[in-house]
N, C-alpha and C. Protein backbone atom coordinates (compact mmCIF):
# COMPACT_ATOMS: atom_id res chain seq x y z
N MET A 1 7.44 31.92 -30.16
CA MET A 1 9.05 31.47 -30.03
C MET A 1 9.35 30.92 -28.96
N VAL A 2 9.39 29.44 -29.16
CA VAL A 2 9.79 28.47 -28.09
C VAL A 2 10.76 28.32 -27.22
N THR A 3 12.07 28.83 -28.05
CA THR A 3 13.35 28.67 -27.47
C THR A 3 13.71 29.84 -27.19
N GLY A 4 13.46 31.10 -27.75
CA GLY A 4 13.44 32.71 -27.51
C GLY A 4 14.19 33.00 -28.70
N ILE A 5 14.64 32.27 -29.17
CA ILE A 5 15.57 32.49 -30.25
C ILE A 5 15.08 32.10 -31.89
N HIS A 6 15.05 33.04 -32.71
CA HIS A 6 14.64 32.87 -34.23
C HIS A 6 14.70 31.60 -34.85
N PRO A 7 13.93 30.61 -35.43
CA PRO A 7 13.69 29.53 -35.93
C PRO A 7 15.07 29.31 -37.04
N LYS A 8 15.40 30.44 -37.69
CA LYS A 8 16.32 29.98 -38.11
C LYS A 8 17.66 29.76 -37.72
N GLU A 9 18.10 30.34 -36.60
CA GLU A 9 19.30 30.03 -35.50
C GLU A 9 19.00 29.10 -34.67
N LYS A 10 18.00 28.33 -34.42
CA LYS A 10 17.81 27.29 -32.81
C LYS A 10 16.36 26.57 -33.27
N ILE A 11 16.18 25.23 -33.56
CA ILE A 11 14.97 25.07 -33.17
C ILE A 11 14.90 24.12 -31.87
N ASP A 12 13.74 24.33 -31.34
CA ASP A 12 13.11 23.40 -30.15
C ASP A 12 13.30 21.98 -30.58
N PRO A 13 14.50 21.42 -29.65
CA PRO A 13 14.23 20.19 -29.84
C PRO A 13 13.71 18.96 -29.31
N GLY A 14 12.96 19.80 -28.38
CA GLY A 14 11.77 18.92 -27.82
C GLY A 14 10.39 18.40 -29.08
N LYS A 15 9.19 18.28 -28.14
CA LYS A 15 8.15 17.65 -29.28
C LYS A 15 7.45 18.05 -30.16
N TYR A 16 7.65 19.23 -30.30
CA TYR A 16 7.35 20.43 -31.53
C TYR A 16 8.61 20.64 -32.40
N ASN A 17 9.39 19.80 -32.07
CA ASN A 17 10.40 19.98 -33.68
C ASN A 17 9.70 19.88 -34.75
N ARG A 18 9.20 18.66 -35.32
CA ARG A 18 8.43 18.37 -36.34
C ARG A 18 7.11 19.62 -36.78
N LEU A 19 6.48 19.92 -35.91
CA LEU A 19 5.49 21.01 -36.04
C LEU A 19 6.23 22.25 -36.46
N ILE A 20 6.90 22.80 -35.66
CA ILE A 20 7.65 23.94 -36.42
C ILE A 20 8.52 23.89 -37.43
N LYS A 21 8.97 22.68 -37.56
CA LYS A 21 9.74 22.81 -39.25
C LYS A 21 8.71 22.91 -40.20
N LYS A 22 7.43 21.82 -40.08
CA LYS A 22 6.77 22.21 -40.70
C LYS A 22 6.00 23.80 -41.11
N ALA A 23 5.90 24.12 -39.97
CA ALA A 23 4.95 25.35 -40.03
C ALA A 23 5.96 26.37 -40.43
N THR A 24 7.52 26.70 -40.15
CA THR A 24 7.85 27.64 -41.41
C THR A 24 8.80 27.02 -42.28
N ALA A 25 8.35 26.05 -42.96
CA ALA A 25 9.18 25.58 -44.17
C ALA A 25 8.56 26.60 -45.13
N LEU A 26 10.06 26.78 -46.24
CA LEU A 26 9.89 28.01 -47.19
C LEU A 26 8.92 27.22 -48.35
N SER A 27 8.74 26.27 -48.50
CA SER A 27 8.06 25.57 -49.85
C SER A 27 6.48 25.65 -49.44
N PRO A 28 5.34 26.42 -49.84
CA PRO A 28 4.20 26.58 -49.63
C PRO A 28 3.50 25.06 -49.48
N GLU A 29 4.09 24.40 -50.67
CA GLU A 29 3.07 22.53 -50.09
C GLU A 29 3.74 22.01 -49.24
N ASP A 30 5.20 22.14 -48.60
CA ASP A 30 5.46 21.68 -47.12
C ASP A 30 5.01 22.22 -46.07
N ARG A 31 3.98 23.31 -46.35
CA ARG A 31 4.04 23.90 -44.91
C ARG A 31 2.19 23.80 -44.59
N PHE A 32 1.66 23.74 -43.42
CA PHE A 32 0.43 23.74 -42.76
C PHE A 32 -0.33 24.74 -44.03
N GLN A 33 -1.51 24.10 -44.55
CA GLN A 33 -2.72 24.51 -45.56
C GLN A 33 -3.28 25.69 -44.93
N ASN A 34 -3.95 25.38 -43.73
CA ASN A 34 -4.64 26.50 -42.90
C ASN A 34 -4.12 26.10 -41.39
N VAL A 35 -4.93 27.10 -40.85
CA VAL A 35 -4.35 26.63 -39.15
C VAL A 35 -5.37 25.70 -38.63
N PHE A 36 -6.17 25.03 -39.18
CA PHE A 36 -7.03 24.09 -38.41
C PHE A 36 -6.25 22.73 -38.32
N GLU A 37 -5.25 22.33 -40.11
CA GLU A 37 -4.22 21.63 -39.66
C GLU A 37 -3.49 21.67 -38.86
N LEU A 38 -3.05 22.60 -38.28
CA LEU A 38 -1.85 23.46 -37.18
C LEU A 38 -2.65 22.52 -35.90
N LYS A 39 -3.45 23.44 -35.80
CA LYS A 39 -4.15 22.91 -34.38
C LYS A 39 -4.66 21.59 -34.04
N LYS A 40 -4.90 20.55 -35.48
CA LYS A 40 -4.78 19.39 -35.38
C LYS A 40 -3.71 18.39 -35.05
N GLU A 41 -2.70 19.26 -35.44
CA GLU A 41 -1.21 18.55 -35.28
C GLU A 41 -0.88 18.65 -33.76
N PHE A 42 -1.06 19.94 -33.34
CA PHE A 42 -1.02 20.16 -31.92
C PHE A 42 -1.68 19.62 -30.84
N VAL A 43 -2.98 19.48 -31.33
CA VAL A 43 -3.59 18.70 -30.16
C VAL A 43 -3.37 17.21 -29.79
N LYS A 44 -2.89 16.28 -30.97
CA LYS A 44 -2.25 15.34 -31.01
C LYS A 44 -1.22 15.39 -30.83
N ILE A 45 -0.18 16.04 -30.77
CA ILE A 45 1.05 15.70 -29.67
C ILE A 45 0.80 16.27 -28.78
N ASN A 46 -0.40 17.11 -28.06
CA ASN A 46 -0.35 16.93 -26.82
C ASN A 46 -1.65 16.36 -26.17
N LYS A 47 -2.31 15.77 -27.20
CA LYS A 47 -3.02 14.52 -26.45
C LYS A 47 -1.94 13.17 -25.89
N LYS A 48 -1.58 13.00 -26.69
CA LYS A 48 -0.50 11.83 -26.51
C LYS A 48 -0.02 11.77 -24.84
N HIS A 49 0.61 13.26 -24.93
CA HIS A 49 1.26 13.06 -23.60
C HIS A 49 0.19 12.98 -22.29
N GLU A 50 -1.35 13.38 -22.53
CA GLU A 50 -1.98 13.70 -21.13
C GLU A 50 -2.74 12.06 -21.62
N ALA A 51 -3.02 11.65 -22.50
CA ALA A 51 -3.57 10.05 -22.36
C ALA A 51 -2.62 9.16 -21.43
N SER A 52 -1.55 9.02 -21.34
CA SER A 52 -0.60 8.17 -20.77
C SER A 52 -1.07 8.33 -19.01
N ALA A 53 -1.22 9.29 -18.62
CA ALA A 53 -1.24 10.02 -17.23
C ALA A 53 -2.83 9.68 -16.77
N ILE A 54 -3.31 9.51 -17.52
CA ILE A 54 -5.11 9.11 -17.25
C ILE A 54 -5.57 7.78 -17.31
N ARG A 55 -4.71 6.83 -17.97
CA ARG A 55 -4.94 5.39 -18.06
C ARG A 55 -3.99 4.61 -17.03
N LEU A 56 -3.84 5.21 -16.09
CA LEU A 56 -2.95 4.70 -15.33
C LEU A 56 -3.54 5.13 -13.61
N ILE A 57 -3.70 3.76 -13.10
CA ILE A 57 -4.58 4.49 -11.56
C ILE A 57 -3.04 4.36 -10.91
N PRO A 58 -3.25 5.10 -9.59
CA PRO A 58 -2.11 4.94 -8.74
C PRO A 58 -1.96 3.63 -8.13
N GLY A 59 -0.61 3.53 -8.08
CA GLY A 59 0.42 2.36 -7.41
C GLY A 59 0.92 1.72 -8.91
N PHE A 60 0.21 1.92 -10.11
CA PHE A 60 1.05 1.45 -11.42
C PHE A 60 1.41 2.38 -12.58
N ARG A 61 1.72 3.83 -11.67
CA ARG A 61 1.86 4.54 -13.20
C ARG A 61 3.51 4.65 -13.16
N SER A 62 4.69 3.87 -12.07
CA SER A 62 5.97 4.11 -12.30
C SER A 62 5.92 2.57 -12.83
N LYS A 63 5.25 1.96 -12.79
CA LYS A 63 5.78 0.37 -13.43
C LYS A 63 6.54 -0.21 -12.48
N THR A 64 6.76 -0.22 -10.98
CA THR A 64 7.91 -0.66 -9.87
C THR A 64 7.06 -1.70 -9.58
N ALA A 65 7.70 -3.17 -9.59
CA ALA A 65 6.93 -4.33 -9.33
C ALA A 65 6.27 -4.03 -7.69
N TRP A 66 6.88 -3.88 -7.08
CA TRP A 66 6.57 -3.56 -5.21
C TRP A 66 5.25 -2.78 -5.12
N LYS A 67 5.12 -1.83 -6.37
CA LYS A 67 4.23 -0.85 -6.17
C LYS A 67 3.37 -1.31 -6.73
N MET A 68 3.26 -1.92 -7.62
CA MET A 68 1.98 -2.61 -8.69
C MET A 68 1.45 -3.65 -7.59
N ILE A 69 2.22 -4.52 -7.13
CA ILE A 69 1.46 -5.45 -5.98
C ILE A 69 0.82 -4.72 -4.88
N THR A 70 1.41 -3.99 -4.28
CA THR A 70 1.09 -3.30 -3.12
C THR A 70 -0.22 -2.54 -3.60
N ALA A 71 -0.57 -1.76 -4.66
CA ALA A 71 -1.70 -1.21 -5.03
C ALA A 71 -2.62 -2.34 -5.21
N GLY A 72 -2.20 -3.24 -6.20
CA GLY A 72 -3.10 -4.01 -6.20
C GLY A 72 -3.90 -5.47 -5.53
N LEU A 73 -2.76 -5.65 -4.20
CA LEU A 73 -3.53 -5.96 -2.77
C LEU A 73 -4.52 -4.95 -2.34
N PHE A 74 -4.01 -3.90 -2.26
CA PHE A 74 -4.90 -2.53 -1.73
C PHE A 74 -6.28 -2.75 -2.15
N TYR A 75 -6.51 -2.38 -3.93
CA TYR A 75 -7.91 -2.52 -4.53
C TYR A 75 -8.36 -4.07 -4.34
N PHE A 76 -7.66 -4.99 -4.15
CA PHE A 76 -8.80 -6.02 -3.74
C PHE A 76 -9.38 -6.25 -2.53
N MET A 77 -8.58 -5.66 -1.69
CA MET A 77 -9.12 -5.67 -0.30
C MET A 77 -10.40 -4.73 0.10
N LEU A 78 -9.82 -3.84 -0.48
CA LEU A 78 -11.07 -2.36 -0.58
C LEU A 78 -12.26 -2.94 -1.68
N VAL A 79 -12.15 -4.10 -2.36
CA VAL A 79 -13.46 -4.23 -3.15
C VAL A 79 -13.92 -5.46 -2.11
N ALA A 80 -13.31 -6.49 -1.40
CA ALA A 80 -13.37 -6.89 -0.66
C ALA A 80 -14.14 -6.85 0.40
N MET A 81 -13.59 -5.19 1.24
CA MET A 81 -14.32 -5.17 2.30
C MET A 81 -15.88 -4.41 1.82
N ALA A 82 -16.04 -3.79 0.78
CA ALA A 82 -16.79 -3.03 0.53
C ALA A 82 -17.86 -4.06 -0.15
N PHE A 83 -18.09 -5.47 -0.29
CA PHE A 83 -18.61 -6.29 -0.95
C PHE A 83 -19.17 -7.54 0.43
N SER A 84 -18.09 -7.41 1.51
CA SER A 84 -18.39 -8.69 2.88
C SER A 84 -19.24 -8.45 3.43
N SER A 85 -19.97 -7.41 3.38
CA SER A 85 -21.41 -7.06 4.33
C SER A 85 -22.41 -7.90 3.57
N VAL A 86 -22.62 -8.12 2.46
CA VAL A 86 -23.74 -8.52 1.36
C VAL A 86 -24.61 -9.49 1.50
N GLY A 87 -23.93 -10.86 2.21
CA GLY A 87 -24.51 -11.87 2.84
C GLY A 87 -24.99 -11.70 4.24
N GLU A 88 -24.48 -10.40 5.00
CA GLU A 88 -25.08 -10.34 6.31
C GLU A 88 -26.37 -9.88 6.93
N SER A 89 -27.05 -8.61 5.53
CA SER A 89 -28.35 -8.06 5.81
C SER A 89 -29.42 -9.28 5.25
N ALA A 90 -30.43 -8.82 5.43
CA ALA A 90 -31.54 -9.61 5.18
C ALA A 90 -31.97 -9.66 3.84
N ASN A 91 -31.43 -8.37 3.56
CA ASN A 91 -31.78 -8.10 1.79
C ASN A 91 -30.60 -7.76 0.95
N THR A 92 -29.98 -9.14 0.17
CA THR A 92 -28.87 -9.03 -0.38
C THR A 92 -28.78 -7.81 -1.28
N VAL A 93 -29.87 -7.25 -1.89
CA VAL A 93 -30.09 -6.02 -2.92
C VAL A 93 -29.24 -4.90 -2.17
N VAL A 94 -29.71 -4.69 -0.55
CA VAL A 94 -29.29 -3.67 0.08
C VAL A 94 -27.93 -3.55 0.60
N GLY A 95 -27.77 -4.83 0.34
CA GLY A 95 -26.12 -4.95 1.14
C GLY A 95 -25.26 -4.88 -0.27
N LEU A 96 -25.75 -5.41 -1.85
CA LEU A 96 -24.88 -5.20 -2.52
C LEU A 96 -24.63 -3.52 -2.83
N ILE A 97 -25.90 -2.73 -2.90
CA ILE A 97 -25.88 -1.49 -2.88
C ILE A 97 -25.02 -0.86 -2.14
N ASP A 98 -25.12 -1.23 -1.02
CA ASP A 98 -24.54 -0.46 0.33
C ASP A 98 -22.84 -0.82 -0.14
N GLY A 99 -22.31 -2.00 -0.61
CA GLY A 99 -21.04 -2.34 -0.97
C GLY A 99 -20.55 -1.43 -2.10
N ILE A 100 -21.43 -0.78 -3.19
CA ILE A 100 -21.01 -0.57 -4.17
C ILE A 100 -20.80 1.10 -3.82
N LEU A 101 -21.65 1.59 -2.91
CA LEU A 101 -21.73 3.01 -2.25
C LEU A 101 -20.71 3.13 -1.73
N PHE A 102 -20.39 2.18 -1.28
CA PHE A 102 -19.12 2.21 -0.30
C PHE A 102 -17.87 2.23 -1.16
N LEU A 103 -17.71 1.27 -1.78
CA LEU A 103 -16.66 1.51 -2.90
C LEU A 103 -16.44 3.07 -3.50
N GLY A 104 -17.70 3.55 -4.00
CA GLY A 104 -17.78 4.28 -4.82
C GLY A 104 -16.85 5.83 -3.95
N PHE A 105 -17.59 5.60 -2.59
CA PHE A 105 -17.24 6.44 -1.67
C PHE A 105 -15.67 6.41 -1.33
N VAL A 106 -15.07 5.28 -0.98
CA VAL A 106 -13.69 5.03 -1.15
C VAL A 106 -12.85 5.35 -1.79
N PHE A 107 -13.34 5.12 -3.19
CA PHE A 107 -12.91 5.43 -4.92
C PHE A 107 -12.62 7.48 -4.74
N SER A 108 -14.10 7.90 -4.45
CA SER A 108 -13.87 9.29 -4.40
C SER A 108 -12.92 10.23 -3.60
N VAL A 109 -12.66 9.42 -2.01
CA VAL A 109 -12.02 10.15 -1.13
C VAL A 109 -10.20 9.94 -1.80
N ILE A 110 -10.27 8.85 -2.82
CA ILE A 110 -8.80 8.50 -3.22
C ILE A 110 -8.48 9.30 -4.58
N ALA A 111 -9.48 9.51 -5.56
CA ALA A 111 -9.77 10.56 -6.24
C ALA A 111 -9.28 12.11 -5.98
N LEU A 112 -10.34 12.69 -5.01
CA LEU A 112 -9.63 13.57 -4.38
C LEU A 112 -8.18 13.58 -3.57
N PHE A 113 -7.89 12.92 -3.23
CA PHE A 113 -6.20 13.23 -2.91
C PHE A 113 -5.41 13.45 -4.03
N PHE A 114 -5.47 12.18 -5.06
CA PHE A 114 -4.71 12.22 -5.78
C PHE A 114 -4.57 13.39 -7.39
N TYR A 115 -6.31 13.37 -7.41
CA TYR A 115 -6.59 14.33 -8.68
C TYR A 115 -6.95 15.62 -8.15
N GLY A 116 -7.36 16.02 -6.85
CA GLY A 116 -7.85 17.48 -6.75
C GLY A 116 -7.34 18.29 -6.65
N ARG A 117 -6.14 17.96 -6.84
CA ARG A 117 -5.45 19.90 -6.93
C ARG A 117 -4.99 19.75 -8.15
N ARG A 118 -4.64 19.02 -9.06
CA ARG A 118 -4.26 19.08 -10.56
C ARG A 118 -5.16 19.03 -11.57
N ARG A 119 -5.96 17.96 -11.05
CA ARG A 119 -6.66 17.48 -12.61
C ARG A 119 -8.18 17.98 -12.47
N PHE A 120 -8.75 18.32 -11.23
CA PHE A 120 -9.93 18.98 -10.71
C PHE A 120 -10.01 20.32 -10.63
N GLN A 121 -8.77 20.69 -10.23
CA GLN A 121 -8.83 21.95 -10.02
C GLN A 121 -10.22 22.75 -9.23
N LEU A 122 -10.25 21.91 -7.69
CA LEU A 122 -11.00 22.44 -6.76
C LEU A 122 -10.70 23.67 -6.37
N PRO A 123 -12.09 24.40 -5.69
CA PRO A 123 -11.52 25.62 -4.94
C PRO A 123 -10.92 25.21 -3.74
N LEU A 124 -9.80 26.06 -2.99
CA LEU A 124 -9.71 25.54 -1.84
C LEU A 124 -7.94 24.79 -1.85
N LEU A 125 -8.41 23.88 -2.62
CA LEU A 125 -7.13 22.59 -2.82
C LEU A 125 -6.08 23.45 -3.55
N THR A 126 -6.00 24.36 -4.43
CA THR A 126 -5.24 25.01 -5.30
C THR A 126 -4.68 26.06 -4.87
N HIS A 127 -4.96 26.72 -3.57
CA HIS A 127 -4.60 27.41 -2.90
C HIS A 127 -3.31 27.59 -2.40
N ASP A 128 -2.66 28.75 -2.30
CA ASP A 128 -1.58 28.91 -1.86
C ASP A 128 -0.69 28.27 -0.75
N ASN A 129 -1.91 28.67 0.24
CA ASN A 129 -1.35 28.49 1.72
C ASN A 129 -1.65 26.79 2.07
N PHE A 130 -0.78 26.83 2.70
CA PHE A 130 -1.14 25.06 3.55
C PHE A 130 -1.92 24.77 4.06
N PHE A 131 -2.58 25.39 4.74
CA PHE A 131 -3.26 25.27 5.87
C PHE A 131 -4.67 25.40 5.12
N VAL A 132 -4.80 26.57 4.07
CA VAL A 132 -5.96 26.50 3.37
C VAL A 132 -6.30 25.17 2.47
N CYS A 133 -5.29 24.40 2.20
CA CYS A 133 -5.34 23.36 1.09
C CYS A 133 -6.05 22.36 2.32
N ILE A 134 -5.31 21.99 3.69
CA ILE A 134 -5.72 20.79 4.45
C ILE A 134 -7.01 20.96 4.47
N PHE A 135 -7.37 22.36 5.18
CA PHE A 135 -9.01 22.78 5.01
C PHE A 135 -9.70 22.00 4.25
N GLY A 136 -9.47 22.33 3.03
CA GLY A 136 -10.07 21.87 2.17
C GLY A 136 -10.34 20.54 1.80
N TYR A 137 -9.20 19.92 1.81
CA TYR A 137 -9.49 18.26 1.92
C TYR A 137 -10.22 17.98 2.86
N LEU A 138 -10.13 18.55 3.96
CA LEU A 138 -11.09 18.04 5.29
C LEU A 138 -12.43 18.42 4.94
N ALA A 139 -12.85 19.43 4.47
CA ALA A 139 -13.98 20.18 3.78
C ALA A 139 -14.60 19.32 2.62
N TYR A 140 -13.74 18.79 1.93
CA TYR A 140 -14.51 17.57 0.75
C TYR A 140 -14.59 16.04 1.23
N ILE A 141 -13.64 16.14 2.06
CA ILE A 141 -14.12 14.67 2.98
C ILE A 141 -15.28 14.97 3.58
N LEU A 142 -16.06 15.52 4.35
CA LEU A 142 -17.10 16.08 5.15
C LEU A 142 -17.81 15.62 4.12
N LEU A 143 -18.14 16.48 3.29
CA LEU A 143 -19.07 16.83 2.11
C LEU A 143 -19.12 15.29 1.40
N LEU A 144 -18.38 14.57 1.33
CA LEU A 144 -18.16 13.45 0.45
C LEU A 144 -19.00 12.58 1.72
N ILE A 145 -18.76 12.21 3.40
CA ILE A 145 -19.39 11.63 4.15
C ILE A 145 -20.76 12.01 3.84
N ILE A 146 -21.22 13.39 4.13
CA ILE A 146 -22.55 13.64 4.28
C ILE A 146 -23.48 13.00 2.99
N VAL A 147 -22.52 12.98 1.86
CA VAL A 147 -23.26 12.63 0.65
C VAL A 147 -23.33 11.35 0.75
N TYR A 148 -22.47 10.40 0.92
CA TYR A 148 -22.73 8.53 1.19
C TYR A 148 -23.97 8.56 2.24
N GLY A 149 -23.99 9.42 3.06
CA GLY A 149 -24.69 8.63 4.44
C GLY A 149 -26.32 9.31 3.81
N LEU A 150 -26.45 10.43 3.17
CA LEU A 150 -27.63 10.48 2.53
C LEU A 150 -28.10 9.67 1.53
N LEU A 151 -26.95 9.10 1.05
CA LEU A 151 -27.55 8.08 -0.21
C LEU A 151 -27.64 7.03 0.51
N LEU A 152 -26.89 6.29 1.53
CA LEU A 152 -27.61 5.39 2.34
C LEU A 152 -29.37 5.24 2.99
N ASP A 153 -29.31 6.34 3.33
CA ASP A 153 -30.76 6.94 3.88
C ASP A 153 -31.75 6.80 2.74
N VAL A 154 -31.43 7.31 1.66
CA VAL A 154 -32.52 6.95 0.63
C VAL A 154 -32.81 5.64 0.13
N LEU A 155 -31.46 4.94 0.09
CA LEU A 155 -31.88 3.84 -0.01
C LEU A 155 -32.32 2.20 0.89
N GLN A 156 -32.29 3.57 2.42
CA GLN A 156 -32.98 2.36 3.37
C GLN A 156 -34.38 2.87 3.13
N ILE A 157 -34.88 3.88 2.94
CA ILE A 157 -36.44 4.36 2.80
C ILE A 157 -36.92 3.69 1.54
N PHE A 158 -36.31 3.52 0.12
CA PHE A 158 -36.47 2.90 -0.81
C PHE A 158 -36.97 1.37 -1.25
N ILE A 159 -35.90 0.86 -0.30
CA ILE A 159 -35.69 -0.43 -0.60
C ILE A 159 -35.93 -1.12 0.88
């Protein structure tokens, strides 16, 4: 029961309205024929809601013009910074790979702050204590810095 009341008295007006009506229909032909059909419809209803949140990157979710312009400039500057050192090194392949690694590092930090708590469910970030969460963010950033440094060392050894 979604509403806490029997479906005869009140049906949920939300997104499950059609699902509840079909599941509780009097005629067997109008109901779901098996549980798999019900599950398929349930997943389809919930998937529509989740897909919209995954598609849009930060800065473009609210569809506010100034936020989209700011985010677009920020992302452009990140890519420009990442690849600005390509021509400086003697080996342009090393500079290019270094730029790609730096870009991956920056986007990993952004993903940690925007998705770490809700989507990834990382330990220390889902804790109720605020200071434990701050410690978790710092620990994960330190881990990302270490991984980035190790990848740069491996890059310099092999190339």
